[in-house]
Amino acid sequence: MFMFYFDGSLFFGLFYLVFFLILAVFVVTAVRGIAQWSRNNASPLLTVQARVVAKRTRVGHNGTHNTGYHTYTRYYVTFQVESGDRMELAVTGEEYGLLAEGDEGSLSFQGTRYKGFERRY
């Protein structure tokens, strides 16, 4: 008969390993977010001629069964600039609703931050 000896050290070792892995993921995510924020702040505010080529949403939720779920929607618009390059920028729900595929005009952005779009009529 096989007996498993458990003195608790394995449990605590695994507990600390998982804890530090989760902490490391949190720290890396925070550092990446701060770095992107810093790059955006250092980027010049640009305004270029562009066309709306695609729109998409991403619906997610967070919470638990006990606390209830909170649903959120993120909005993204893909613009194509005169050079043919495309960039996808996050926009507000209001901006998302005002933009239509095929719209042409002046796109203002700073790094990866959407600043506005003025439609050309």
C-alpha atoms as a PDB file:
ATOM      1  CA  MET A   1       0.000   0.000   0.000  1.00  0.00           C
ATOM      2  CA  PHE A   2       1.312   3.432  -1.012  1.00  0.00           C
ATOM      3  CA  MET A   3       1.236   6.167   1.604  1.00  0.00           C
ATOM      4  CA  PHE A   4       1.700   9.794   0.731  1.00  0.00           C
ATOM      5  CA  TYR A   5       3.538  11.806   3.319  1.00  0.00           C
ATOM      6  CA  PHE A   6       2.403  15.418   3.409  1.00  0.00           C
ATOM      7  CA  ASP A   7       4.033  17.825   5.812  1.00  0.00           C
ATOM      8  CA  GLY A   8       2.642  21.022   4.296  1.00  0.00           C
ATOM      9  CA  SER A   9       5.878  22.282   2.787  1.00  0.00           C
ATOM     10  CA  LEU A  10       4.840  21.191  -0.710  1.00  0.00           C
ATOM     11  CA  PHE A  11       1.541  23.038  -0.363  1.00  0.00           C
ATOM     12  CA  PHE A  12       3.174  26.241   0.858  1.00  0.00           C
ATOM     13  CA  GLY A  13       5.848  26.017  -1.814  1.00  0.00           C
ATOM     14  CA  LEU A  14       3.222  25.721  -4.555  1.00  0.00           C
ATOM     15  CA  PHE A  15       1.127  28.448  -2.934  1.00  0.00           C
ATOM     16  CA  TYR A  16       4.042  30.893  -2.960  1.00  0.00           C
ATOM     17  CA  LEU A  17       4.982  29.914  -6.522  1.00  0.00           C
ATOM     18  CA  VAL A  18       1.461  30.616  -7.793  1.00  0.00           C
ATOM     19  CA  PHE A  19       1.263  33.820  -5.742  1.00  0.00           C
ATOM     20  CA  PHE A  20       4.518  35.161  -7.186  1.00  0.00           C
ATOM     21  CA  LEU A  21       3.560  34.143 -10.737  1.00  0.00           C
ATOM     22  CA  ILE A  22       0.294  36.084 -10.431  1.00  0.00           C
ATOM     23  CA  LEU A  23       2.161  39.024  -8.921  1.00  0.00           C
ATOM     24  CA  ALA A  24       4.706  38.913 -11.768  1.00  0.00           C
ATOM     25  CA  VAL A  25       1.934  38.947 -14.395  1.00  0.00           C
ATOM     26  CA  PHE A  26       0.334  41.925 -12.646  1.00  0.00           C
ATOM     27  CA  VAL A  27       3.637  43.835 -12.486  1.00  0.00           C
ATOM     28  CA  VAL A  28       4.505  43.117 -16.141  1.00  0.00           C
ATOM     29  CA  THR A  29       1.030  44.245 -17.244  1.00  0.00           C
ATOM     30  CA  ALA A  30       1.300  47.441 -15.201  1.00  0.00           C
ATOM     31  CA  VAL A  31       4.793  48.215 -16.533  1.00  0.00           C
ATOM     32  CA  ARG A  32       3.633  47.681 -20.134  1.00  0.00           C
ATOM     33  CA  GLY A  33       0.635  49.964 -19.569  1.00  0.00           C
ATOM     34  CA  ILE A  34       2.796  52.693 -18.052  1.00  0.00           C
ATOM     35  CA  ALA A  35       5.329  52.344 -20.881  1.00  0.00           C
ATOM     36  CA  GLN A  36       2.573  52.689 -23.530  1.00  0.00           C
ATOM     37  CA  TRP A  37       1.137  55.701 -21.706  1.00  0.00           C
ATOM     38  CA  SER A  38       4.603  57.277 -21.624  1.00  0.00           C
ATOM     39  CA  ARG A  39       5.208  56.585 -25.342  1.00  0.00           C
ATOM     40  CA  ASN A  40       1.840  58.131 -26.202  1.00  0.00           C
ATOM     41  CA  ASN A  41       2.666  61.242 -24.167  1.00  0.00           C
ATOM     42  CA  ALA A  42       6.023  61.563 -25.948  1.00  0.00           C
ATOM     43  CA  SER A  43       4.455  61.114 -29.403  1.00  0.00           C
ATOM     44  CA  PRO A  44       3.489  64.158 -31.446  1.00  0.00           C
ATOM     45  CA  LEU A  45      -0.162  64.922 -32.100  1.00  0.00           C
ATOM     46  CA  LEU A  46      -0.639  64.061 -35.778  1.00  0.00           C
ATOM     47  CA  THR A  47      -3.481  64.837 -38.144  1.00  0.00           C
ATOM     48  CA  VAL A  48      -3.599  62.872 -41.400  1.00  0.00           C
ATOM     49  CA  GLN A  49      -6.114  62.156 -44.139  1.00  0.00           C
ATOM     50  CA  ALA A  50      -7.704  58.780 -43.518  1.00  0.00           C
ATOM     51  CA  ARG A  51     -10.647  56.547 -44.340  1.00  0.00           C
ATOM     52  CA  VAL A  52     -12.640  54.346 -41.974  1.00  0.00           C
ATOM     53  CA  VAL A  53     -12.218  50.795 -43.284  1.00  0.00           C
ATOM     54  CA  ALA A  54     -13.577  48.662 -40.435  1.00  0.00           C
ATOM     55  CA  LYS A  55     -15.287  48.789 -37.069  1.00  0.00           C
ATOM     56  CA  ARG A  56     -15.458  46.160 -34.353  1.00  0.00           C
ATOM     57  CA  THR A  57     -16.503  45.707 -30.760  1.00  0.00           C
ATOM     58  CA  ARG A  58     -15.295  43.460 -27.982  1.00  0.00           C
ATOM     59  CA  VAL A  59     -17.755  42.552 -25.279  1.00  0.00           C
ATOM     60  CA  GLY A  60     -16.447  41.228 -21.995  1.00  0.00           C
ATOM     61  CA  HIS A  61     -17.528  40.750 -18.447  1.00  0.00           C
ATOM     62  CA  ASN A  62     -16.004  40.603 -15.036  1.00  0.00           C
ATOM     63  CA  GLY A  63     -17.230  39.644 -11.607  1.00  0.00           C
ATOM     64  CA  THR A  64     -18.362  36.432 -10.005  1.00  0.00           C
ATOM     65  CA  HIS A  65     -21.563  34.511  -9.569  1.00  0.00           C
ATOM     66  CA  ASN A  66     -21.837  35.818  -6.007  1.00  0.00           C
ATOM     67  CA  THR A  67     -21.115  39.493  -6.715  1.00  0.00           C
ATOM     68  CA  GLY A  68     -22.815  39.631 -10.093  1.00  0.00           C
ATOM     69  CA  TYR A  69     -21.368  40.151 -13.521  1.00  0.00           C
ATOM     70  CA  HIS A  70     -20.590  43.495 -15.076  1.00  0.00           C
ATOM     71  CA  THR A  71     -20.622  43.580 -18.868  1.00  0.00           C
ATOM     72  CA  TYR A  72     -18.585  46.118 -20.803  1.00  0.00           C
ATOM     73  CA  THR A  73     -18.047  46.890 -24.478  1.00  0.00           C
ATOM     74  CA  ARG A  74     -14.837  48.180 -26.058  1.00  0.00           C
ATOM     75  CA  TYR A  75     -15.045  49.922 -29.420  1.00  0.00           C
ATOM     76  CA  TYR A  76     -12.360  49.890 -32.137  1.00  0.00           C
ATOM     77  CA  VAL A  77     -12.119  51.560 -35.538  1.00  0.00           C
ATOM     78  CA  THR A  78      -9.566  50.747 -38.245  1.00  0.00           C
ATOM     79  CA  PHE A  79      -8.365  53.705 -40.311  1.00  0.00           C
ATOM     80  CA  GLN A  80      -6.397  53.580 -43.541  1.00  0.00           C
ATOM     81  CA  VAL A  81      -4.113  56.546 -44.177  1.00  0.00           C
ATOM     82  CA  GLU A  82      -2.944  57.877 -47.553  1.00  0.00           C
ATOM     83  CA  SER A  83       0.209  55.727 -47.529  1.00  0.00           C
ATOM     84  CA  GLY A  84      -1.963  52.599 -47.349  1.00  0.00           C
ATOM     85  CA  ASP A  85      -1.012  51.807 -43.750  1.00  0.00           C
ATOM     86  CA  ARG A  86      -3.810  50.832 -41.410  1.00  0.00           C
ATOM     87  CA  MET A  87      -4.167  51.480 -37.709  1.00  0.00           C
ATOM     88  CA  GLU A  88      -6.774  50.298 -35.267  1.00  0.00           C
ATOM     89  CA  LEU A  89      -7.615  52.749 -32.497  1.00  0.00           C
ATOM     90  CA  ALA A  90      -9.874  52.418 -29.477  1.00  0.00           C
ATOM     91  CA  VAL A  91     -12.708  54.953 -29.498  1.00  0.00           C
ATOM     92  CA  THR A  92     -15.625  55.825 -27.249  1.00  0.00           C
ATOM     93  CA  GLY A  93     -19.057  54.361 -27.872  1.00  0.00           C
ATOM     94  CA  GLU A  94     -20.287  57.771 -29.003  1.00  0.00           C
ATOM     95  CA  GLU A  95     -17.491  58.149 -31.567  1.00  0.00           C
ATOM     96  CA  TYR A  96     -18.056  54.566 -32.712  1.00  0.00           C
ATOM     97  CA  GLY A  97     -21.701  55.340 -33.394  1.00  0.00           C
ATOM     98  CA  LEU A  98     -20.868  58.488 -35.366  1.00  0.00           C
ATOM     99  CA  LEU A  99     -18.326  56.815 -37.650  1.00  0.00           C
ATOM    100  CA  ALA A 100     -19.310  54.679 -40.622  1.00  0.00           C
ATOM    101  CA  GLU A 101     -17.181  52.474 -42.838  1.00  0.00           C
ATOM    102  CA  GLY A 102     -16.164  54.479 -45.881  1.00  0.00           C
ATOM    103  CA  ASP A 103     -16.068  57.842 -44.085  1.00  0.00           C
ATOM    104  CA  GLU A 104     -13.142  59.985 -45.191  1.00  0.00           C
ATOM    105  CA  GLY A 105     -11.625  62.928 -43.387  1.00  0.00           C
ATOM    106  CA  SER A 106      -8.908  64.093 -41.021  1.00  0.00           C
ATOM    107  CA  LEU A 107      -7.806  61.679 -38.315  1.00  0.00           C
ATOM    108  CA  SER A 108      -6.042  63.091 -35.257  1.00  0.00           C
ATOM    109  CA  PHE A 109      -4.080  60.742 -33.026  1.00  0.00           C
ATOM    110  CA  GLN A 110      -1.192  60.709 -30.584  1.00  0.00           C
ATOM    111  CA  GLY A 111       0.687  57.429 -30.550  1.00  0.00           C
ATOM    112  CA  THR A 112      -2.066  54.856 -30.063  1.00  0.00           C
ATOM    113  CA  ARG A 113      -4.559  57.401 -28.681  1.00  0.00           C
ATOM    114  CA  TYR A 114      -7.499  58.432 -30.819  1.00  0.00           C
ATOM    115  CA  LYS A 115      -7.985  62.196 -30.621  1.00  0.00           C
ATOM    116  CA  GLY A 116     -10.719  62.783 -33.173  1.00  0.00           C
ATOM    117  CA  PHE A 117     -11.977  62.445 -36.710  1.00  0.00           C
ATOM    118  CA  GLU A 118     -13.350  65.291 -38.791  1.00  0.00           C
ATOM    119  CA  ARG A 119     -15.419  63.952 -41.662  1.00  0.00           C
ATOM    120  CA  ARG A 120     -14.874  65.424 -45.121  1.00  0.00           C
ATOM    121  CA  TYR A 121     -18.161  66.024 -46.910  1.00  0.00           C
END
